[in-house]
């Protein structure tokens, strides 16, 4: 289940986002989380099964586009479809308002999920 980020999830969110290649540096990671907290166009969601297992970040770019800019799943829970479920949930959430797309950092993963979905 996709849930909206809250300040009480900060440490967990930082831990999950730190698995992204560009978010290894602590200062950069803190900046990213602050941006999600303070910028009304940046939306961070966490994926919860029994525990919080993944994070997905979306930036509203303009009147038409919602850009997936972070996708991260706890390494011990990868290859279980959680990333794809998060992408599908974000698409469902924004579908009526925006075209959901990926940025250069998330594009290959989003594309892979789409290809697997097309295979059925």
PDB file of N, CA and C in Angstrom:
ATOM      1  N   UNK A   1       0.837  -1.181   0.000  1.00  0.00           N
ATOM      2  CA  UNK A   1       0.000   0.000   0.000  1.00  0.00           C
ATOM      3  C   UNK A   1       0.886   1.249   0.000  1.00  0.00           C
ATOM      4  N   UNK A   2       0.529   2.189  -0.838  1.00  0.00           N
ATOM      5  CA  UNK A   2       1.264   3.444  -0.946  1.00  0.00           C
ATOM      6  C   UNK A   2       0.769   4.419   0.121  1.00  0.00           C
ATOM      7  N   UNK A   3       1.685   4.958   0.912  1.00  0.00           N
ATOM      8  CA  UNK A   3       1.302   5.956   1.912  1.00  0.00           C
ATOM      9  C   UNK A   3       2.138   7.218   1.731  1.00  0.00           C
ATOM     10  N   UNK A   4       1.556   8.332   2.072  1.00  0.00           N
ATOM     11  CA  UNK A   4       2.222   9.625   1.937  1.00  0.00           C
ATOM     12  C   UNK A   4       3.301   9.771   3.003  1.00  0.00           C
ATOM     13  N   UNK A   5       4.440  10.322   2.622  1.00  0.00           N
ATOM     14  CA  UNK A   5       5.535  10.574   3.553  1.00  0.00           C
ATOM     15  C   UNK A   5       5.101  11.544   4.639  1.00  0.00           C
ATOM     16  N   UNK A   6       5.510  11.249   5.881  1.00  0.00           N
ATOM     17  CA  UNK A   6       5.337  12.164   7.002  1.00  0.00           C
ATOM     18  C   UNK A   6       6.690  12.307   7.686  1.00  0.00           C
ATOM     19  N   UNK A   7       6.872  13.399   8.389  1.00  0.00           N
ATOM     20  CA  UNK A   7       8.136  13.683   9.075  1.00  0.00           C
ATOM     21  C   UNK A   7       8.547  12.527   9.998  1.00  0.00           C
ATOM     22  N   UNK A   8       7.579  11.851  10.596  1.00  0.00           N
ATOM     23  CA  UNK A   8       7.906  10.741  11.503  1.00  0.00           C
ATOM     24  C   UNK A   8       8.574   9.563  10.769  1.00  0.00           C
ATOM     25  N   UNK A   9       8.474   9.543   9.437  1.00  0.00           N
ATOM     26  CA  UNK A   9       9.113   8.492   8.629  1.00  0.00           C
ATOM     27  C   UNK A   9      10.474   8.922   8.092  1.00  0.00           C
ATOM     28  N   UNK A  10      10.988  10.068   8.549  1.00  0.00           N
ATOM     29  CA  UNK A  10      12.198  10.648   7.943  1.00  0.00           C
ATOM     30  C   UNK A  10      13.374   9.670   7.879  1.00  0.00           C
ATOM     31  N   UNK A  11      13.705   9.024   8.985  1.00  0.00           N
ATOM     32  CA  UNK A  11      14.874   8.123   9.000  1.00  0.00           C
ATOM     33  C   UNK A  11      14.679   6.940   8.053  1.00  0.00           C
ATOM     34  N   UNK A  12      13.483   6.385   8.048  1.00  0.00           N
ATOM     35  CA  UNK A  12      13.192   5.258   7.156  1.00  0.00           C
ATOM     36  C   UNK A  12      13.278   5.713   5.701  1.00  0.00           C
ATOM     37  N   UNK A  13      12.685   6.876   5.400  1.00  0.00           N
ATOM     38  CA  UNK A  13      12.718   7.405   4.035  1.00  0.00           C
ATOM     39  C   UNK A  13      14.159   7.657   3.591  1.00  0.00           C
ATOM     40  N   UNK A  14      14.959   8.233   4.477  1.00  0.00           N
ATOM     41  CA  UNK A  14      16.361   8.480   4.130  1.00  0.00           C
ATOM     42  C   UNK A  14      17.097   7.169   3.880  1.00  0.00           C
ATOM     43  N   UNK A  15      16.814   6.180   4.703  1.00  0.00           N
ATOM     44  CA  UNK A  15      17.442   4.876   4.508  1.00  0.00           C
ATOM     45  C   UNK A  15      17.081   4.271   3.162  1.00  0.00           C
ATOM     46  N   UNK A  16      15.808   4.338   2.809  1.00  0.00           N
ATOM     47  CA  UNK A  16      15.362   3.789   1.525  1.00  0.00           C
ATOM     48  C   UNK A  16      15.932   4.575   0.345  1.00  0.00           C
ATOM     49  N   UNK A  17      15.896   5.902   0.437  1.00  0.00           N
ATOM     50  CA  UNK A  17      16.420   6.727  -0.657  1.00  0.00           C
ATOM     51  C   UNK A  17      17.928   6.566  -0.812  1.00  0.00           C
ATOM     52  N   UNK A  18      18.620   6.206   0.264  1.00  0.00           N
ATOM     53  CA  UNK A  18      20.084   6.062   0.187  1.00  0.00           C
ATOM     54  C   UNK A  18      20.497   4.912  -0.728  1.00  0.00           C
ATOM     55  N   UNK A  19      19.553   4.034  -1.087  1.00  0.00           N
ATOM     56  CA  UNK A  19      19.871   2.955  -2.028  1.00  0.00           C
ATOM     57  C   UNK A  19      19.933   3.458  -3.469  1.00  0.00           C
ATOM     58  N   UNK A  20      19.470   4.688  -3.714  1.00  0.00           N
ATOM     59  CA  UNK A  20      19.577   5.282  -5.061  1.00  0.00           C
ATOM     60  C   UNK A  20      21.025   5.728  -5.262  1.00  0.00           C
ATOM     61  N   UNK A  21      21.615   5.454  -6.431  1.00  0.00           N
ATOM     62  CA  UNK A  21      23.026   5.793  -6.662  1.00  0.00           C
ATOM     63  C   UNK A  21      23.380   7.260  -6.390  1.00  0.00           C
ATOM     64  N   UNK A  22      22.506   8.189  -6.730  1.00  0.00           N
ATOM     65  CA  UNK A  22      22.819   9.612  -6.564  1.00  0.00           C
ATOM     66  C   UNK A  22      22.531  10.131  -5.161  1.00  0.00           C
ATOM     67  N   UNK A  23      22.047   9.280  -4.283  1.00  0.00           N
ATOM     68  CA  UNK A  23      21.665   9.731  -2.942  1.00  0.00           C
ATOM     69  C   UNK A  23      22.542   9.113  -1.847  1.00  0.00           C
ATOM     70  N   UNK A  24      23.740   8.694  -2.198  1.00  0.00           N
ATOM     71  CA  UNK A  24      24.626   8.054  -1.223  1.00  0.00           C
ATOM     72  C   UNK A  24      25.159   9.056  -0.193  1.00  0.00           C
ATOM     73  N   UNK A  25      25.460  10.264  -0.631  1.00  0.00           N
ATOM     74  CA  UNK A  25      26.022  11.286   0.235  1.00  0.00           C
ATOM     75  C   UNK A  25      24.960  11.780   1.228  1.00  0.00           C
ATOM     76  N   UNK A  26      25.292  11.802   2.515  1.00  0.00           N
ATOM     77  CA  UNK A  26      24.319  12.156   3.553  1.00  0.00           C
ATOM     78  C   UNK A  26      23.777  13.570   3.364  1.00  0.00           C
ATOM     79  N   UNK A  27      24.646  14.510   3.045  1.00  0.00           N
ATOM     80  CA  UNK A  27      24.184  15.900   2.850  1.00  0.00           C
ATOM     81  C   UNK A  27      23.195  15.990   1.683  1.00  0.00           C
ATOM     82  N   UNK A  28      23.500  15.310   0.600  1.00  0.00           N
ATOM     83  CA  UNK A  28      22.619  15.296  -0.573  1.00  0.00           C
ATOM     84  C   UNK A  28      21.278  14.654  -0.200  1.00  0.00           C
ATOM     85  N   UNK A  29      21.352  13.583   0.536  1.00  0.00           N
ATOM     86  CA  UNK A  29      20.158  12.863   0.983  1.00  0.00           C
ATOM     87  C   UNK A  29      19.279  13.757   1.866  1.00  0.00           C
ATOM     88  N   UNK A  30      19.904  14.466   2.798  1.00  0.00           N
ATOM     89  CA  UNK A  30      19.156  15.380   3.672  1.00  0.00           C
ATOM     90  C   UNK A  30      18.488  16.485   2.858  1.00  0.00           C
ATOM     91  N   UNK A  31      19.203  17.000   1.858  1.00  0.00           N
ATOM     92  CA  UNK A  31      18.630  18.035   0.974  1.00  0.00           C
ATOM     93  C   UNK A  31      17.412  17.491   0.237  1.00  0.00           C
ATOM     94  N   UNK A  32      17.535  16.279  -0.270  1.00  0.00           N
ATOM     95  CA  UNK A  32      16.440  15.660  -1.020  1.00  0.00           C
ATOM     96  C   UNK A  32      15.206  15.513  -0.139  1.00  0.00           C
ATOM     97  N   UNK A  33      15.380  14.992   1.070  1.00  0.00           N
ATOM     98  CA  UNK A  33      14.237  14.795   1.968  1.00  0.00           C
ATOM     99  C   UNK A  33      13.632  16.148   2.348  1.00  0.00           C
ATOM    100  N   UNK A  34      14.474  17.144   2.606  1.00  0.00           N
ATOM    101  CA  UNK A  34      13.967  18.500   2.911  1.00  0.00           C
ATOM    102  C   UNK A  34      13.139  19.044   1.755  1.00  0.00           C
ATOM    103  N   UNK A  35      13.603  18.798   0.532  1.00  0.00           N
ATOM    104  CA  UNK A  35      12.868  19.259  -0.652  1.00  0.00           C
ATOM    105  C   UNK A  35      11.480  18.611  -0.693  1.00  0.00           C
ATOM    106  N   UNK A  36      11.423  17.298  -0.397  1.00  0.00           N
ATOM    107  CA  UNK A  36      10.130  16.613  -0.355  1.00  0.00           C
ATOM    108  C   UNK A  36       9.235  17.183   0.748  1.00  0.00           C
ATOM    109  N   UNK A  37       9.837  17.590   1.857  1.00  0.00           N
ATOM    110  CA  UNK A  37       9.051  18.144   2.963  1.00  0.00           C
ATOM    111  C   UNK A  37       8.541  19.546   2.667  1.00  0.00           C
ATOM    112  N   UNK A  38       9.344  20.334   1.958  1.00  0.00           N
ATOM    113  CA  UNK A  38       9.039  21.768   1.819  1.00  0.00           C
ATOM    114  C   UNK A  38       8.490  22.201   0.464  1.00  0.00           C
ATOM    115  N   UNK A  39       8.767  21.454  -0.576  1.00  0.00           N
ATOM    116  CA  UNK A  39       8.340  21.849  -1.923  1.00  0.00           C
ATOM    117  C   UNK A  39       6.970  21.219  -2.207  1.00  0.00           C
ATOM    118  N   UNK A  40       5.954  22.048  -2.430  1.00  0.00           N
ATOM    119  CA  UNK A  40       4.605  21.494  -2.661  1.00  0.00           C
ATOM    120  C   UNK A  40       4.497  20.688  -3.959  1.00  0.00           C
ATOM    121  N   UNK A  41       5.470  20.809  -4.857  1.00  0.00           N
ATOM    122  CA  UNK A  41       5.439  20.051  -6.112  1.00  0.00           C
ATOM    123  C   UNK A  41       6.210  18.738  -6.032  1.00  0.00           C
ATOM    124  N   UNK A  42       6.838  18.462  -4.891  1.00  0.00           N
ATOM    125  CA  UNK A  42       7.558  17.205  -4.692  1.00  0.00           C
ATOM    126  C   UNK A  42       6.760  16.345  -3.730  1.00  0.00           C
ATOM    127  N   UNK A  43       6.431  15.119  -4.144  1.00  0.00           N
ATOM    128  CA  UNK A  43       5.618  14.214  -3.331  1.00  0.00           C
ATOM    129  C   UNK A  43       6.377  12.909  -3.121  1.00  0.00           C
ATOM    130  N   UNK A  44       6.586  12.553  -1.875  1.00  0.00           N
ATOM    131  CA  UNK A  44       7.273  11.309  -1.536  1.00  0.00           C
ATOM    132  C   UNK A  44       6.264  10.340  -0.928  1.00  0.00           C
ATOM    133  N   UNK A  45       6.304   9.107  -1.399  1.00  0.00           N
ATOM    134  CA  UNK A  45       5.426   8.062  -0.897  1.00  0.00           C
ATOM    135  C   UNK A  45       6.280   6.887  -0.450  1.00  0.00           C
ATOM    136  N   UNK A  46       5.777   6.157   0.520  1.00  0.00           N
ATOM    137  CA  UNK A  46       6.445   4.951   0.993  1.00  0.00           C
ATOM    138  C   UNK A  46       5.530   3.769   0.737  1.00  0.00           C
ATOM    139  N   UNK A  47       6.131   2.612   0.474  1.00  0.00           N
ATOM    140  CA  UNK A  47       5.356   1.394   0.238  1.00  0.00           C
ATOM    141  C   UNK A  47       5.361   0.577   1.518  1.00  0.00           C
ATOM    142  N   UNK A  48       4.172   0.257   1.986  1.00  0.00           N
ATOM    143  CA  UNK A  48       4.045  -0.486   3.235  1.00  0.00           C
ATOM    144  C   UNK A  48       3.323  -1.797   2.993  1.00  0.00           C
ATOM    145  N   UNK A  49       3.996  -2.886   3.352  1.00  0.00           N
ATOM    146  CA  UNK A  49       3.319  -4.179   3.475  1.00  0.00           C
ATOM    147  C   UNK A  49       3.174  -4.357   4.971  1.00  0.00           C
ATOM    148  N   UNK A  50       4.000  -5.196   5.575  1.00  0.00           N
ATOM    149  CA  UNK A  50       4.023  -5.219   7.036  1.00  0.00           C
ATOM    150  C   UNK A  50       4.976  -4.139   7.530  1.00  0.00           C
ATOM    151  N   UNK A  51       6.045  -3.931   6.788  1.00  0.00           N
ATOM    152  CA  UNK A  51       7.021  -2.883   7.093  1.00  0.00           C
ATOM    153  C   UNK A  51       7.061  -1.909   5.924  1.00  0.00           C
ATOM    154  N   UNK A  52       7.783  -0.814   6.123  1.00  0.00           N
ATOM    155  CA  UNK A  52       8.012   0.122   5.018  1.00  0.00           C
ATOM    156  C   UNK A  52       9.162  -0.433   4.186  1.00  0.00           C
ATOM    157  N   UNK A  53       8.872  -0.791   2.941  1.00  0.00           N
ATOM    158  CA  UNK A  53       9.836  -1.520   2.121  1.00  0.00           C
ATOM    159  C   UNK A  53      10.379  -0.728   0.939  1.00  0.00           C
ATOM    160  N   UNK A  54       9.704   0.361   0.565  1.00  0.00           N
ATOM    161  CA  UNK A  54      10.133   1.099  -0.616  1.00  0.00           C
ATOM    162  C   UNK A  54       9.747   2.559  -0.527  1.00  0.00           C
ATOM    163  N   UNK A  55      10.363   3.341  -1.412  1.00  0.00           N
ATOM    164  CA  UNK A  55      10.049   4.770  -1.509  1.00  0.00           C
ATOM    165  C   UNK A  55       9.970   5.142  -2.985  1.00  0.00           C
ATOM    166  N   UNK A  56       9.048   6.038  -3.285  1.00  0.00           N
ATOM    167  CA  UNK A  56       8.931   6.551  -4.657  1.00  0.00           C
ATOM    168  C   UNK A  56       8.644   8.041  -4.558  1.00  0.00           C
ATOM    169  N   UNK A  57       9.415   8.802  -5.317  1.00  0.00           N
ATOM    170  CA  UNK A  57       9.278  10.254  -5.292  1.00  0.00           C
ATOM    171  C   UNK A  57       8.816  10.786  -6.636  1.00  0.00           C
ATOM    172  N   UNK A  58       7.875  11.715  -6.588  1.00  0.00           N
ATOM    173  CA  UNK A  58       7.276  12.286  -7.797  1.00  0.00           C
ATOM    174  C   UNK A  58       7.393  13.797  -7.729  1.00  0.00           C
ATOM    175  N   UNK A  59       7.768  14.387  -8.853  1.00  0.00           N
ATOM    176  CA  UNK A  59       7.821  15.851  -8.962  1.00  0.00           C
ATOM    177  C   UNK A  59       6.776  16.291  -9.973  1.00  0.00           C
ATOM    178  N   UNK A  60       5.895  17.184  -9.549  1.00  0.00           N
ATOM    179  CA  UNK A  60       4.916  17.741 -10.483  1.00  0.00           C
ATOM    180  C   UNK A  60       5.653  18.825 -11.265  1.00  0.00           C
ATOM    181  N   UNK A  61       5.799  18.585 -12.572  1.00  0.00           N
ATOM    182  CA  UNK A  61       6.642  19.457 -13.383  1.00  0.00           C
ATOM    183  C   UNK A  61       5.873  20.636 -13.967  1.00  0.00           C
ATOM    184  N   UNK A  62       4.676  20.393 -14.423  1.00  0.00           N
ATOM    185  CA  UNK A  62       3.864  21.466 -14.990  1.00  0.00           C
ATOM    186  C   UNK A  62       2.400  21.029 -14.890  1.00  0.00           C
ATOM    187  N   UNK A  63       1.551  21.657 -15.643  1.00  0.00           N
ATOM    188  CA  UNK A  63       0.117  21.334 -15.554  1.00  0.00           C
ATOM    189  C   UNK A  63      -0.193  19.916 -16.032  1.00  0.00           C
ATOM    190  N   UNK A  64       0.749  19.307 -16.768  1.00  0.00           N
ATOM    191  CA  UNK A  64       0.455  18.023 -17.412  1.00  0.00           C
ATOM    192  C   UNK A  64       1.302  16.851 -16.941  1.00  0.00           C
ATOM    193  N   UNK A  65       2.473  17.110 -16.370  1.00  0.00           N
ATOM    194  CA  UNK A  65       3.432  16.025 -16.128  1.00  0.00           C
ATOM    195  C   UNK A  65       3.755  15.801 -14.660  1.00  0.00           C
ATOM    196  N   UNK A  66       3.729  14.532 -14.260  1.00  0.00           N
ATOM    197  CA  UNK A  66       4.235  14.088 -12.959  1.00  0.00           C
ATOM    198  C   UNK A  66       5.425  13.177 -13.260  1.00  0.00           C
ATOM    199  N   UNK A  67       6.592  13.559 -12.769  1.00  0.00           N
ATOM    200  CA  UNK A  67       7.826  12.852 -13.103  1.00  0.00           C
ATOM    201  C   UNK A  67       8.282  11.988 -11.920  1.00  0.00           C
ATOM    202  N   UNK A  68       8.435  10.691 -12.174  1.00  0.00           N
ATOM    203  CA  UNK A  68       8.978   9.786 -11.155  1.00  0.00           C
ATOM    204  C   UNK A  68      10.479  10.032 -11.101  1.00  0.00           C
ATOM    205  N   UNK A  69      10.953  10.547  -9.971  1.00  0.00           N
ATOM    206  CA  UNK A  69      12.377  10.883  -9.889  1.00  0.00           C
ATOM    207  C   UNK A  69      13.161  10.011  -8.909  1.00  0.00           C
ATOM    208  N   UNK A  70      12.488   9.276  -8.064  1.00  0.00           N
ATOM    209  CA  UNK A  70      13.146   8.323  -7.172  1.00  0.00           C
ATOM    210  C   UNK A  70      12.290   7.060  -7.095  1.00  0.00           C
ATOM    211  N   UNK A  71      12.942   5.917  -7.183  1.00  0.00           N
ATOM    212  CA  UNK A  71      12.297   4.631  -6.924  1.00  0.00           C
ATOM    213  C   UNK A  71      13.327   3.797  -6.192  1.00  0.00           C
ATOM    214  N   UNK A  72      12.980   3.335  -5.008  1.00  0.00           N
ATOM    215  CA  UNK A  72      13.940   2.567  -4.228  1.00  0.00           C
ATOM    216  C   UNK A  72      13.211   1.516  -3.399  1.00  0.00           C
ATOM    217  N   UNK A  73      13.774   0.314  -3.398  1.00  0.00           N
ATOM    218  CA  UNK A  73      13.211  -0.790  -2.618  1.00  0.00           C
ATOM    219  C   UNK A  73      14.323  -1.359  -1.743  1.00  0.00           C
ATOM    220  N   UNK A  74      13.978  -1.673  -0.516  1.00  0.00           N
ATOM    221  CA  UNK A  74      14.930  -2.304   0.392  1.00  0.00           C
ATOM    222  C   UNK A  74      15.561  -3.508  -0.326  1.00  0.00           C
ATOM    223  N   UNK A  75      16.896  -3.599  -0.365  1.00  0.00           N
ATOM    224  CA  UNK A  75      17.555  -4.676  -1.134  1.00  0.00           C
ATOM    225  C   UNK A  75      17.090  -6.083  -0.753  1.00  0.00           C
ATOM    226  N   UNK A  76      16.735  -6.313   0.501  1.00  0.00           N
ATOM    227  CA  UNK A  76      16.312  -7.662   0.880  1.00  0.00           C
ATOM    228  C   UNK A  76      14.891  -7.979   0.423  1.00  0.00           C
ATOM    229  N   UNK A  77      14.204  -6.999  -0.183  1.00  0.00           N
ATOM    230  CA  UNK A  77      12.848  -7.220  -0.693  1.00  0.00           C
ATOM    231  C   UNK A  77      12.748  -6.964  -2.198  1.00  0.00           C
ATOM    232  N   UNK A  78      13.877  -6.909  -2.870  1.00  0.00           N
ATOM    233  CA  UNK A  78      13.851  -6.668  -4.315  1.00  0.00           C
ATOM    234  C   UNK A  78      13.441  -7.937  -5.064  1.00  0.00           C
ATOM    235  N   UNK A  79      13.087  -7.744  -6.329  1.00  0.00           N
ATOM    236  CA  UNK A  79      12.675  -8.843  -7.226  1.00  0.00           C
ATOM    237  C   UNK A  79      11.385  -9.510  -6.750  1.00  0.00           C
ATOM    238  N   UNK A  80      10.541  -8.730  -6.058  1.00  0.00           N
ATOM    239  CA  UNK A  80       9.240  -9.233  -5.624  1.00  0.00           C
ATOM    240  C   UNK A  80       8.116  -8.389  -6.214  1.00  0.00           C
ATOM    241  N   UNK A  81       8.457  -7.471  -7.120  1.00  0.00           N
ATOM    242  CA  UNK A  81       7.440  -6.664  -7.774  1.00  0.00           C
ATOM    243  C   UNK A  81       7.029  -5.405  -7.019  1.00  0.00           C
ATOM    244  N   UNK A  82       7.731  -5.073  -5.939  1.00  0.00           N
ATOM    245  CA  UNK A  82       7.355  -3.905  -5.133  1.00  0.00           C
ATOM    246  C   UNK A  82       7.551  -2.607  -5.924  1.00  0.00           C
ATOM    247  N   UNK A  83       8.660  -2.492  -6.629  1.00  0.00           N
ATOM    248  CA  UNK A  83       8.904  -1.294  -7.442  1.00  0.00           C
ATOM    249  C   UNK A  83       7.806  -1.091  -8.475  1.00  0.00           C
ATOM    250  N   UNK A  84       7.429  -2.167  -9.143  1.00  0.00           N
ATOM    251  CA  UNK A  84       6.359  -2.090 -10.141  1.00  0.00           C
ATOM    252  C   UNK A  84       5.032  -1.704  -9.482  1.00  0.00           C
ATOM    253  N   UNK A  85       4.743  -2.277  -8.313  1.00  0.00           N
ATOM    254  CA  UNK A  85       3.511  -1.930  -7.602  1.00  0.00           C
ATOM    255  C   UNK A  85       3.492  -0.448  -7.237  1.00  0.00           C
ATOM    256  N   UNK A  86       4.656   0.082  -6.823  1.00  0.00           N
ATOM    257  CA  UNK A  86       4.721   1.504  -6.476  1.00  0.00           C
ATOM    258  C   UNK A  86       4.469   2.372  -7.705  1.00  0.00           C
ATOM    259  N   UNK A  87       5.060   2.008  -8.823  1.00  0.00           N
ATOM    260  CA  UNK A  87       4.863   2.775 -10.062  1.00  0.00           C
ATOM    261  C   UNK A  87       3.389   2.721 -10.477  1.00  0.00           C
ATOM    262  N   UNK A  88       2.792   1.535 -10.426  1.00  0.00           N
ATOM    263  CA  UNK A  88       1.371   1.394 -10.770  1.00  0.00           C
ATOM    264  C   UNK A  88       0.494   2.237  -9.840  1.00  0.00           C
ATOM    265  N   UNK A  89       0.814   2.227  -8.537  1.00  0.00           N
ATOM    266  CA  UNK A  89       0.020   2.987  -7.564  1.00  0.00           C
ATOM    267  C   UNK A  89       0.127   4.488  -7.821  1.00  0.00           C
ATOM    268  N   UNK A  90       1.339   4.952  -8.162  1.00  0.00           N
ATOM    269  CA  UNK A  90       1.530   6.382  -8.476  1.00  0.00           C
ATOM    270  C   UNK A  90       0.762   6.740  -9.739  1.00  0.00           C
ATOM    271  N   UNK A  91       0.831   5.880 -10.739  1.00  0.00           N
ATOM    272  CA  UNK A  91       0.069   6.136 -11.971  1.00  0.00           C
ATOM    273  C   UNK A  91      -1.416   6.226 -11.677  1.00  0.00           C
ATOM    274  N   UNK A  92      -1.920   5.319 -10.853  1.00  0.00           N
ATOM    275  CA  UNK A  92      -3.340   5.349 -10.497  1.00  0.00           C
ATOM    276  C   UNK A  92      -3.693   6.626  -9.746  1.00  0.00           C
ATOM    277  N   UNK A  93      -2.802   7.055  -8.874  1.00  0.00           N
ATOM    278  CA  UNK A  93      -3.059   8.251  -8.076  1.00  0.00           C
ATOM    279  C   UNK A  93      -3.116   9.519  -8.935  1.00  0.00           C
ATOM    280  N   UNK A  94      -2.222   9.615  -9.914  1.00  0.00           N
ATOM    281  CA  UNK A  94      -2.108  10.849 -10.706  1.00  0.00           C
ATOM    282  C   UNK A  94      -2.767  10.762 -12.074  1.00  0.00           C
ATOM    283  N   UNK A  95      -3.282   9.599 -12.421  1.00  0.00           N
ATOM    284  CA  UNK A  95      -3.766   9.322 -13.765  1.00  0.00           C
ATOM    285  C   UNK A  95      -4.743  10.351 -14.323  1.00  0.00           C
ATOM    286  N   UNK A  96      -5.661  10.810 -13.515  1.00  0.00           N
ATOM    287  CA  UNK A  96      -6.670  11.734 -14.024  1.00  0.00           C
ATOM    288  C   UNK A  96      -6.146  13.151 -14.216  1.00  0.00           C
ATOM    289  N   UNK A  97      -5.070  13.491 -13.518  1.00  0.00           N
ATOM    290  CA  UNK A  97      -4.548  14.859 -13.574  1.00  0.00           C
ATOM    291  C   UNK A  97      -3.329  15.025 -14.470  1.00  0.00           C
ATOM    292  N   UNK A  98      -2.440  14.034 -14.441  1.00  0.00           N
ATOM    293  CA  UNK A  98      -1.128  14.188 -15.078  1.00  0.00           C
ATOM    294  C   UNK A  98      -0.757  12.968 -15.915  1.00  0.00           C
ATOM    295  N   UNK A  99       0.149  13.207 -16.838  1.00  0.00           N
ATOM    296  CA  UNK A  99       0.829  12.115 -17.517  1.00  0.00           C
ATOM    297  C   UNK A  99       2.006  11.755 -16.620  1.00  0.00           C
ATOM    298  N   UNK A 100       2.086  10.519 -16.182  1.00  0.00           N
ATOM    299  CA  UNK A 100       3.172  10.083 -15.309  1.00  0.00           C
ATOM    300  C   UNK A 100       4.302   9.556 -16.181  1.00  0.00           C
ATOM    301  N   UNK A 101       5.491  10.117 -15.979  1.00  0.00           N
ATOM    302  CA  UNK A 101       6.652   9.685 -16.759  1.00  0.00           C
ATOM    303  C   UNK A 101       7.860   9.567 -15.837  1.00  0.00           C
ATOM    304  N   UNK A 102       8.969   9.123 -16.383  1.00  0.00           N
ATOM    305  CA  UNK A 102      10.194   8.937 -15.604  1.00  0.00           C
ATOM    306  C   UNK A 102      11.213  10.005 -15.980  1.00  0.00           C
ATOM    307  N   UNK A 103      12.190  10.217 -15.098  1.00  0.00           N
ATOM    308  CA  UNK A 103      13.317  11.064 -15.467  1.00  0.00           C
ATOM    309  C   UNK A 103      14.467  10.163 -15.908  1.00  0.00           C
ATOM    310  N   UNK A 104      15.618  10.750 -16.210  1.00  0.00           N
ATOM    311  CA  UNK A 104      16.736   9.949 -16.731  1.00  0.00           C
ATOM    312  C   UNK A 104      17.232   8.927 -15.703  1.00  0.00           C
ATOM    313  N   UNK A 105      17.053   9.194 -14.411  1.00  0.00           N
ATOM    314  CA  UNK A 105      17.537   8.263 -13.381  1.00  0.00           C
ATOM    315  C   UNK A 105      16.606   7.073 -13.190  1.00  0.00           C
ATOM    316  N   UNK A 106      15.329   7.256 -13.445  1.00  0.00           N
ATOM    317  CA  UNK A 106      14.362   6.171 -13.200  1.00  0.00           C
ATOM    318  C   UNK A 106      13.838   5.545 -14.483  1.00  0.00           C
ATOM    319  N   UNK A 107      14.199   6.128 -15.618  1.00  0.00           N
ATOM    320  CA  UNK A 107      13.627   5.707 -16.902  1.00  0.00           C
ATOM    321  C   UNK A 107      13.832   4.228 -17.206  1.00  0.00           C
ATOM    322  N   UNK A 108      15.044   3.717 -17.023  1.00  0.00           N
ATOM    323  CA  UNK A 108      15.289   2.321 -17.403  1.00  0.00           C
ATOM    324  C   UNK A 108      14.478   1.364 -16.526  1.00  0.00           C
ATOM    325  N   UNK A 109      14.342   1.683 -15.233  1.00  0.00           N
ATOM    326  CA  UNK A 109      13.554   0.826 -14.346  1.00  0.00           C
ATOM    327  C   UNK A 109      12.078   0.877 -14.709  1.00  0.00           C
ATOM    328  N   UNK A 110      11.551   2.075 -14.938  1.00  0.00           N
ATOM    329  CA  UNK A 110      10.133   2.225 -15.290  1.00  0.00           C
ATOM    330  C   UNK A 110       9.854   1.497 -16.615  1.00  0.00           C
ATOM    331  N   UNK A 111      10.781   1.637 -17.553  1.00  0.00           N
ATOM    332  CA  UNK A 111      10.638   0.971 -18.852  1.00  0.00           C
ATOM    333  C   UNK A 111      10.611  -0.552 -18.681  1.00  0.00           C
ATOM    334  N   UNK A 112      11.506  -1.059 -17.835  1.00  0.00           N
ATOM    335  CA  UNK A 112      11.561  -2.502 -17.583  1.00  0.00           C
ATOM    336  C   UNK A 112      10.234  -2.997 -16.985  1.00  0.00           C
ATOM    337  N   UNK A 113       9.680  -2.237 -16.056  1.00  0.00           N
ATOM    338  CA  UNK A 113       8.388  -2.609 -15.456  1.00  0.00           C
ATOM    339  C   UNK A 113       7.290  -2.621 -16.517  1.00  0.00           C
ATOM    340  N   UNK A 114       7.303  -1.634 -17.402  1.00  0.00           N
ATOM    341  CA  UNK A 114       6.300  -1.556 -18.470  1.00  0.00           C
ATOM    342  C   UNK A 114       6.430  -2.732 -19.433  1.00  0.00           C
ATOM    343  N   UNK A 115       7.667  -3.107 -19.765  1.00  0.00           N
ATOM    344  CA  UNK A 115       7.892  -4.232 -20.672  1.00  0.00           C
ATOM    345  C   UNK A 115       7.407  -5.537 -20.048  1.00  0.00           C
ATOM    346  N   UNK A 116       7.673  -5.721 -18.754  1.00  0.00           N
ATOM    347  CA  UNK A 116       7.224  -6.934 -18.071  1.00  0.00           C
ATOM    348  C   UNK A 116       5.702  -6.978 -18.004  1.00  0.00           C
ATOM    349  N   UNK A 117       5.084  -5.817 -17.808  1.00  0.00           N
ATOM    350  CA  UNK A 117       3.615  -5.758 -17.769  1.00  0.00           C
ATOM    351  C   UNK A 117       3.035  -6.098 -19.138  1.00  0.00           C
ATOM    352  N   UNK A 118       3.715  -5.644 -20.194  1.00  0.00           N
ATOM    353  CA  UNK A 118       3.236  -5.906 -21.561  1.00  0.00           C
ATOM    354  C   UNK A 118       3.303  -7.404 -21.893  1.00  0.00           C
ATOM    355  N   UNK A 119       4.304  -8.077 -21.329  1.00  0.00           N
ATOM    356  CA  UNK A 119       4.436  -9.527 -21.555  1.00  0.00           C
ATOM    357  C   UNK A 119       3.309 -10.285 -20.885  1.00  0.00           C
ATOM    358  N   UNK A 120       2.792  -9.691 -19.794  1.00  0.00           N
ATOM    359  CA  UNK A 120       1.686 -10.332 -19.081  1.00  0.00           C
ATOM    360  C   UNK A 120       2.202 -11.278 -18.079  1.00  0.00           C
TER     361      UNK A 120
END
